Protein backbone atom coordinates (compact mmCIF):
# COMPACT_ATOMS: atom_id res chain seq x y z
CA UNK A 1 -23.78 18.20 -17.20
CA UNK A 2 -24.15 17.15 -13.43
CA UNK A 3 -21.16 17.34 -11.01
CA UNK A 4 -20.63 14.55 -8.26
CA UNK A 5 -20.05 15.81 -5.02
CA UNK A 6 -17.44 14.50 -3.03
CA UNK A 7 -18.28 12.77 0.04
CA UNK A 8 -15.07 11.40 1.40
CA UNK A 9 -11.47 11.92 0.48
CA UNK A 10 -8.40 10.25 2.37
CA UNK A 11 -4.77 9.83 1.84
CA UNK A 12 -2.88 7.46 3.83
CA UNK A 13 0.95 6.73 3.87
CA UNK A 14 3.11 4.10 5.47
CA UNK A 15 4.06 5.79 8.57
CA UNK A 16 4.04 2.90 11.18
CA UNK A 17 7.22 2.77 13.45
CA UNK A 18 7.96 -0.96 13.10
CA UNK A 19 7.99 -0.70 9.15
CA UNK A 20 10.74 2.21 9.37
CA UNK A 21 12.63 0.28 12.01
CA UNK A 22 12.84 -2.62 9.61
CA UNK A 23 13.75 -0.56 6.63
CA UNK A 24 16.45 1.55 8.26
CA UNK A 25 17.79 -1.48 10.18
CA UNK A 26 18.02 -3.48 6.79
CA UNK A 27 19.76 -0.63 5.22
CA UNK A 28 22.23 -0.17 7.98
CA UNK A 29 22.93 -3.87 8.21
CA UNK A 30 23.45 -4.24 4.31
CA UNK A 31 25.26 -1.08 3.58
CA UNK A 32 26.88 -0.21 6.79
CA UNK A 33 29.57 -2.64 6.71
CA UNK A 34 30.25 -1.97 3.16
CA UNK A 35 30.76 1.51 4.02
CA UNK A 36 33.17 0.68 6.64
CA UNK A 37 34.96 -1.74 4.36
CA UNK A 38 35.38 1.21 1.76
CA UNK A 39 36.51 3.69 4.33
CA UNK A 40 39.05 1.20 5.80
CA UNK A 41 40.44 -0.20 2.65
CA UNK A 42 40.82 3.35 0.82
CA UNK A 43 42.08 5.30 3.75
CA UNK A 44 44.40 2.63 5.60
CA UNK A 45 45.38 0.69 2.19
CA UNK A 46 44.68 -2.43 4.20
CA UNK A 47 42.44 -4.94 2.19
CA UNK A 48 38.96 -5.23 3.99
CA UNK A 49 37.64 -8.69 4.80
CA UNK A 50 39.08 -12.53 4.62
CA UNK A 51 38.98 -12.43 0.71
CA UNK A 52 39.48 -8.57 -0.14
CA UNK A 53 38.29 -7.45 -3.53
CA UNK A 54 39.98 -4.62 -5.39
CA UNK A 55 38.91 -0.80 -4.49
CA UNK A 56 36.68 -0.45 -7.74
CA UNK A 57 34.61 -3.55 -7.16
CA UNK A 58 34.27 -2.60 -3.27
CA UNK A 59 33.16 0.83 -4.03
CA UNK A 60 30.69 -0.16 -6.93
CA UNK A 61 29.27 -2.64 -4.71
CA UNK A 62 28.92 -0.38 -1.99
CA UNK A 63 27.26 2.24 -4.12
CA UNK A 64 24.91 -0.47 -5.74
CA UNK A 65 23.71 -1.65 -2.22
CA UNK A 66 23.05 1.87 -1.09
CA UNK A 67 21.18 2.94 -4.01
CA UNK A 68 19.06 -0.26 -3.88
CA UNK A 69 18.27 0.29 -0.09
CA UNK A 70 17.77 3.94 -0.72
CA UNK A 71 15.62 3.26 -3.39
CA UNK A 72 13.44 0.92 -1.49
CA UNK A 73 13.11 3.64 1.55
CA UNK A 74 12.11 6.17 -1.13
CA UNK A 75 9.47 3.91 -2.49
CA UNK A 76 7.75 3.43 0.94
CA UNK A 77 8.25 7.47 1.46
CA UNK A 78 6.27 7.93 -1.69
CA UNK A 79 3.83 5.13 -1.56
CA UNK A 80 0.46 6.48 -0.37
CA UNK A 81 -3.14 5.19 -0.74
CA UNK A 82 -5.78 7.70 -1.83
CA UNK A 83 -9.46 7.21 -1.77
CA UNK A 84 -12.30 9.27 -3.02
CA UNK A 85 -15.83 8.73 -2.86
CA UNK A 86 -18.41 10.81 -4.85
CA UNK A 87 -22.19 10.67 -5.32
CA UNK A 88 -21.60 8.42 -8.46
CA UNK A 89 -18.50 6.29 -7.68
CA UNK A 90 -15.47 5.19 -5.40
CA UNK A 91 -12.18 5.96 -6.82
CA UNK A 92 -8.77 4.85 -5.32
CA UNK A 93 -5.07 4.31 -6.43
CA UNK A 94 -2.01 3.10 -4.59
CA UNK A 95 0.95 5.26 -5.94
CA UNK A 96 3.42 4.32 -7.19
CA UNK A 97 2.28 0.81 -7.57
CA UNK A 98 -1.06 1.72 -9.15
CA UNK A 99 -0.77 5.15 -10.47
CA UNK A 100 -3.92 5.31 -12.47
CA UNK A 101 -7.30 5.92 -10.45
CA UNK A 102 -9.63 2.98 -10.34
CA UNK A 103 -13.22 3.90 -10.48
CA UNK A 104 -15.97 1.71 -9.17
CA UNK A 105 -19.63 3.22 -10.16
CA UNK A 106 -22.13 2.89 -7.39
CA UNK A 107 -24.11 0.59 -10.04
CA UNK A 108 -21.48 -1.90 -9.74
CA UNK A 109 -21.49 -2.10 -5.99
CA UNK A 110 -23.83 -4.83 -4.69
CA UNK A 111 -23.22 -3.98 -1.04
CA UNK A 112 -20.45 -2.95 1.20
CA UNK A 113 -19.14 -3.53 5.00
CA UNK A 114 -16.98 -1.18 6.83
CA UNK A 115 -15.14 -2.88 9.72
CA UNK A 116 -12.34 -4.60 11.37
CA UNK A 117 -10.44 -7.20 9.49
CA UNK A 118 -7.05 -9.08 10.00
CA UNK A 119 -4.60 -7.96 7.63
CA UNK A 120 -2.11 -10.66 8.03
CA UNK A 121 -4.54 -13.69 8.22
CA UNK A 122 -6.91 -12.24 5.78
CA UNK A 123 -4.46 -10.92 3.14
CA UNK A 124 -0.89 -11.85 4.18
CA UNK A 125 -0.05 -8.21 5.33
CA UNK A 126 -0.34 -4.63 3.98
CA UNK A 127 0.09 -3.26 0.52
CA UNK A 128 -1.53 -4.37 -2.62
CA UNK A 129 -2.43 -7.96 -1.74
CA UNK A 130 -4.61 -10.74 -3.31
CA UNK A 131 -6.16 -13.17 -0.73
CA UNK A 132 -5.47 -16.63 -1.08
CA UNK A 133 -9.10 -17.50 -0.08
CA UNK A 134 -12.33 -15.91 -0.94
CA UNK A 135 -11.60 -12.33 0.46
CA UNK A 136 -10.61 -10.85 -2.77
CA UNK A 137 -8.12 -8.04 -3.42
CA UNK A 138 -6.87 -5.51 -0.88
CA UNK A 139 -5.25 -2.11 -0.83
CA UNK A 140 -4.00 -0.75 2.55
CA UNK A 141 -1.09 0.70 4.29
CA UNK A 142 -1.74 0.15 7.96
CA UNK A 143 -4.16 -0.72 10.84
CA UNK A 144 -7.09 -3.36 10.66
CA UNK A 145 -10.04 -1.01 9.61
CA UNK A 146 -11.38 -1.20 6.06
CA UNK A 147 -14.14 -0.88 3.64
CA UNK A 148 -15.11 -4.37 1.77
CA UNK A 149 -16.86 -3.58 -1.43
CA UNK A 150 -19.09 -6.81 -2.79
CA UNK A 151 -19.27 -6.05 -6.48
CA UNK A 152 -22.27 -7.27 -8.67
CA UNK A 153 -19.88 -9.51 -10.78
CA UNK A 154 -19.07 -11.48 -7.51
CA UNK A 155 -15.73 -9.87 -6.97
CA UNK A 156 -14.66 -8.49 -3.33
CA UNK A 157 -12.45 -5.50 -2.84
CA UNK A 158 -11.12 -4.08 0.64
CA UNK A 159 -9.64 -0.61 0.73
CA UNK A 160 -7.84 0.16 4.03
CA UNK A 161 -9.02 3.34 5.96
CA UNK A 162 -8.27 5.12 8.99
CA UNK A 163 -11.56 6.95 9.25
CA UNK A 164 -13.96 4.02 9.47
CA UNK A 165 -16.98 5.97 10.36
CA UNK A 166 -16.46 8.67 7.95
CA UNK A 167 -16.17 6.18 5.03
CA UNK A 168 -19.22 4.31 6.11
CA UNK A 169 -21.09 7.49 6.09
CA UNK A 170 -20.04 8.43 2.74
CA UNK A 171 -20.58 5.01 1.50
CA UNK A 172 -24.40 5.25 2.93
CA UNK A 173 -24.96 8.65 1.21
CA UNK A 174 -23.63 7.36 -2.15
CA UNK A 175 -25.66 4.22 -2.23
CA UNK A 176 -29.05 5.92 -1.22
CA UNK A 177 -31.80 5.42 -3.66
CA UNK A 178 -29.79 2.33 -5.05
CA UNK A 179 -31.50 -1.18 -5.21
CA UNK A 180 -30.93 -3.49 -2.43
CA UNK A 181 -28.35 -6.04 -2.95
CA UNK A 182 -30.81 -8.65 -2.98
CA UNK A 183 -32.27 -7.23 -6.05
CA UNK A 184 -28.95 -6.95 -7.92
CA UNK A 185 -27.80 -10.60 -7.85
CA UNK A 186 -25.94 -11.72 -10.90
CA UNK A 187 -27.25 -14.78 -12.70
């Protein structure tokens, strides 16, 4: 039994300031006024708003909006893109959206490119994205650096990275001894 040597490992999380500004801002704008209404209506007894609702409905609505926004923030806190390259394959998952590791054996990779891309123009943003054009599918959390895999079945796949040189070096090592992409064309 042979063991596959790990050549590269990376874990990325959503840690860009503007994303958190949007999430926290949206939460404050949606839940903040409701919490003020609950406080105002329950402590002073004066109905809140132009068309006030009952205390129970106001509290339930406020709790639901707060739970929804809190759940959305928690989803982004827990979200992470994990990439691992071994001598035999490349594996990745994007928890909690793609929980199971997806493995691509090196024999399925015709060629690869490591470089810059435009996440908004090429894929419509960050996350698990499908290009409207011929760019294929993308898994990314931030930035504009990625590894594009050209598979022997003609599909393309981009995996975002913050460590472009390291992932390129690992792919070079993984692909050593493999036939050139010209020899691996699918008919």
